[in-house]
Amino acid sequence: MKFLAVEKETAGVKWQNEQAILQEEAKCVYNLIKKDKIREIYFTESHNAVLVLECGSREEAENILKEMPIAQKGLSGFDLCELKPYTGLDRLINKQ
């Protein structure tokens, strides 16, 4: 199952004071990529992380996100949604 996770920062965080936790976060991301749990990762224009996760269940995805260092420290959370296959092309195919 694929999941889209969009980071939502806790208000008032001074990221320049959080370099150690950001390094831990990068290590965590690296390990999750190696385990094929994070398939893609990006930053938005406002520098919020966007992750595409590959997990067996929503619960697994939620647990992964809760264990990330910035989430554990309360600096950020994530909005999570499951990605389903696009079926809109069926409208173009004449089913007989």
C-alpha atoms as a PDB file:
ATOM      1  CA  MET A   1       0.000   0.000   0.000  1.00  0.00           C
ATOM      2  CA  LYS A   2       1.223   3.490  -0.805  1.00  0.00           C
ATOM      3  CA  PHE A   3       0.746   6.422   1.521  1.00  0.00           C
ATOM      4  CA  LEU A   4       1.353  10.124   1.118  1.00  0.00           C
ATOM      5  CA  ALA A   5       2.607  11.887   4.237  1.00  0.00           C
ATOM      6  CA  VAL A   6       2.828  15.680   4.353  1.00  0.00           C
ATOM      7  CA  GLU A   7       4.696  17.271   7.230  1.00  0.00           C
ATOM      8  CA  LYS A   8       2.956  19.870   9.342  1.00  0.00           C
ATOM      9  CA  GLU A   9       5.337  21.830  11.520  1.00  0.00           C
ATOM     10  CA  THR A  10       4.644  22.778  15.095  1.00  0.00           C
ATOM     11  CA  ALA A  11       4.307  26.570  15.315  1.00  0.00           C
ATOM     12  CA  GLY A  12       7.237  28.509  16.677  1.00  0.00           C
ATOM     13  CA  VAL A  13       9.991  25.955  16.038  1.00  0.00           C
ATOM     14  CA  LYS A  14      13.390  27.591  15.485  1.00  0.00           C
ATOM     15  CA  TRP A  15      14.996  25.079  13.127  1.00  0.00           C
ATOM     16  CA  GLN A  16      18.402  26.767  13.318  1.00  0.00           C
ATOM     17  CA  ASN A  17      18.515  25.574  16.953  1.00  0.00           C
ATOM     18  CA  GLU A  18      17.601  21.990  16.000  1.00  0.00           C
ATOM     19  CA  GLN A  19      20.575  20.900  13.874  1.00  0.00           C
ATOM     20  CA  ALA A  20      21.268  17.747  15.923  1.00  0.00           C
ATOM     21  CA  ILE A  21      17.691  16.470  15.608  1.00  0.00           C
ATOM     22  CA  LEU A  22      17.668  17.301  11.877  1.00  0.00           C
ATOM     23  CA  GLN A  23      20.788  15.170  11.436  1.00  0.00           C
ATOM     24  CA  GLU A  24      19.050  12.323  13.300  1.00  0.00           C
ATOM     25  CA  GLU A  25      16.027  12.800  11.039  1.00  0.00           C
ATOM     26  CA  ALA A  26      18.232  12.494   7.950  1.00  0.00           C
ATOM     27  CA  LYS A  27      19.729   9.245   9.291  1.00  0.00           C
ATOM     28  CA  CYS A  28      16.229   7.916   9.963  1.00  0.00           C
ATOM     29  CA  VAL A  29      15.098   8.808   6.435  1.00  0.00           C
ATOM     30  CA  TYR A  30      18.181   7.128   4.976  1.00  0.00           C
ATOM     31  CA  ASN A  31      17.470   3.915   6.900  1.00  0.00           C
ATOM     32  CA  LEU A  32      13.804   3.931   5.850  1.00  0.00           C
ATOM     33  CA  ILE A  33      14.846   4.367   2.206  1.00  0.00           C
ATOM     34  CA  LYS A  34      17.213   1.398   2.557  1.00  0.00           C
ATOM     35  CA  LYS A  35      14.319  -0.653   4.000  1.00  0.00           C
ATOM     36  CA  ASP A  36      12.067   0.354   1.028  1.00  0.00           C
ATOM     37  CA  LYS A  37       9.603   2.047   3.379  1.00  0.00           C
ATOM     38  CA  ILE A  38      10.198   5.546   1.987  1.00  0.00           C
ATOM     39  CA  ARG A  39       9.974   5.383  -1.799  1.00  0.00           C
ATOM     40  CA  GLU A  40      10.142   9.121  -2.501  1.00  0.00           C
ATOM     41  CA  ILE A  41      10.790  12.236  -0.436  1.00  0.00           C
ATOM     42  CA  TYR A  42      10.562  15.916  -1.320  1.00  0.00           C
ATOM     43  CA  PHE A  43      10.330  19.363   0.213  1.00  0.00           C
ATOM     44  CA  THR A  44       7.537  21.796  -0.627  1.00  0.00           C
ATOM     45  CA  GLU A  45       8.319  25.447  -1.395  1.00  0.00           C
ATOM     46  CA  SER A  46       7.746  26.159   2.306  1.00  0.00           C
ATOM     47  CA  HIS A  47      10.248  23.396   3.183  1.00  0.00           C
ATOM     48  CA  ASN A  48       7.754  20.881   4.576  1.00  0.00           C
ATOM     49  CA  ALA A  49       8.641  17.260   3.859  1.00  0.00           C
ATOM     50  CA  VAL A  50       6.443  15.154   1.580  1.00  0.00           C
ATOM     51  CA  LEU A  51       6.987  11.393   1.735  1.00  0.00           C
ATOM     52  CA  VAL A  52       5.652   8.512  -0.324  1.00  0.00           C
ATOM     53  CA  LEU A  53       5.659   5.434   1.905  1.00  0.00           C
ATOM     54  CA  GLU A  54       5.254   1.784   0.953  1.00  0.00           C
ATOM     55  CA  CYS A  55       3.736  -0.105   3.888  1.00  0.00           C
ATOM     56  CA  GLY A  56       1.617  -3.163   4.554  1.00  0.00           C
ATOM     57  CA  SER A  57      -1.019  -1.175   6.426  1.00  0.00           C
ATOM     58  CA  ARG A  58      -2.040   2.303   7.533  1.00  0.00           C
ATOM     59  CA  GLU A  59      -1.034   1.380  11.078  1.00  0.00           C
ATOM     60  CA  GLU A  60       2.498   0.568   9.903  1.00  0.00           C
ATOM     61  CA  ALA A  61       2.734   3.922   8.092  1.00  0.00           C
ATOM     62  CA  GLU A  62       1.477   5.775  11.173  1.00  0.00           C
ATOM     63  CA  ASN A  63       3.997   3.979  13.385  1.00  0.00           C
ATOM     64  CA  ILE A  64       6.876   4.828  11.051  1.00  0.00           C
ATOM     65  CA  LEU A  65       5.923   8.506  11.091  1.00  0.00           C
ATOM     66  CA  LYS A  66       5.542   8.557  14.900  1.00  0.00           C
ATOM     67  CA  GLU A  67       9.039   7.111  15.290  1.00  0.00           C
ATOM     68  CA  MET A  68      10.733   9.785  13.205  1.00  0.00           C
ATOM     69  CA  PRO A  69      12.944  11.999  15.418  1.00  0.00           C
ATOM     70  CA  ILE A  70      11.205  15.313  14.675  1.00  0.00           C
ATOM     71  CA  ALA A  71       7.821  13.756  15.432  1.00  0.00           C
ATOM     72  CA  GLN A  72       9.086  12.155  18.635  1.00  0.00           C
ATOM     73  CA  LYS A  73      10.385  15.524  19.799  1.00  0.00           C
ATOM     74  CA  GLY A  74       7.084  17.226  18.922  1.00  0.00           C
ATOM     75  CA  LEU A  75       8.599  19.507  16.269  1.00  0.00           C
ATOM     76  CA  SER A  76       6.399  18.218  13.451  1.00  0.00           C
ATOM     77  CA  GLY A  77       3.587  15.844  12.691  1.00  0.00           C
ATOM     78  CA  PHE A  78       2.227  14.426   9.451  1.00  0.00           C
ATOM     79  CA  ASP A  79      -1.040  14.334   7.556  1.00  0.00           C
ATOM     80  CA  LEU A  80      -1.376  10.841   6.089  1.00  0.00           C
ATOM     81  CA  CYS A  81      -3.540   9.510   3.278  1.00  0.00           C
ATOM     82  CA  GLU A  82      -3.582   6.226   1.413  1.00  0.00           C
ATOM     83  CA  LEU A  83      -2.955   6.442  -2.322  1.00  0.00           C
ATOM     84  CA  LYS A  84      -5.279   4.301  -4.434  1.00  0.00           C
ATOM     85  CA  PRO A  85      -4.846   3.410  -8.111  1.00  0.00           C
ATOM     86  CA  TYR A  86      -6.317   5.958 -10.506  1.00  0.00           C
ATOM     87  CA  THR A  87      -9.396   4.474 -12.200  1.00  0.00           C
ATOM     88  CA  GLY A  88     -10.452   7.549 -14.179  1.00  0.00           C
ATOM     89  CA  LEU A  89      -9.154   6.123 -17.439  1.00  0.00           C
ATOM     90  CA  ASP A  90     -11.951   3.564 -17.292  1.00  0.00           C
ATOM     91  CA  ARG A  91     -14.218   6.382 -18.461  1.00  0.00           C
ATOM     92  CA  LEU A  92     -12.400   6.371 -21.799  1.00  0.00           C
ATOM     93  CA  ILE A  93     -12.615   2.654 -22.414  1.00  0.00           C
ATOM     94  CA  ASN A  94     -15.783   1.294 -23.989  1.00  0.00           C
ATOM     95  CA  LYS A  95     -16.670  -1.730 -21.887  1.00  0.00           C
ATOM     96  CA  GLN A  96     -18.581  -4.329 -23.848  1.00  0.00           C
END
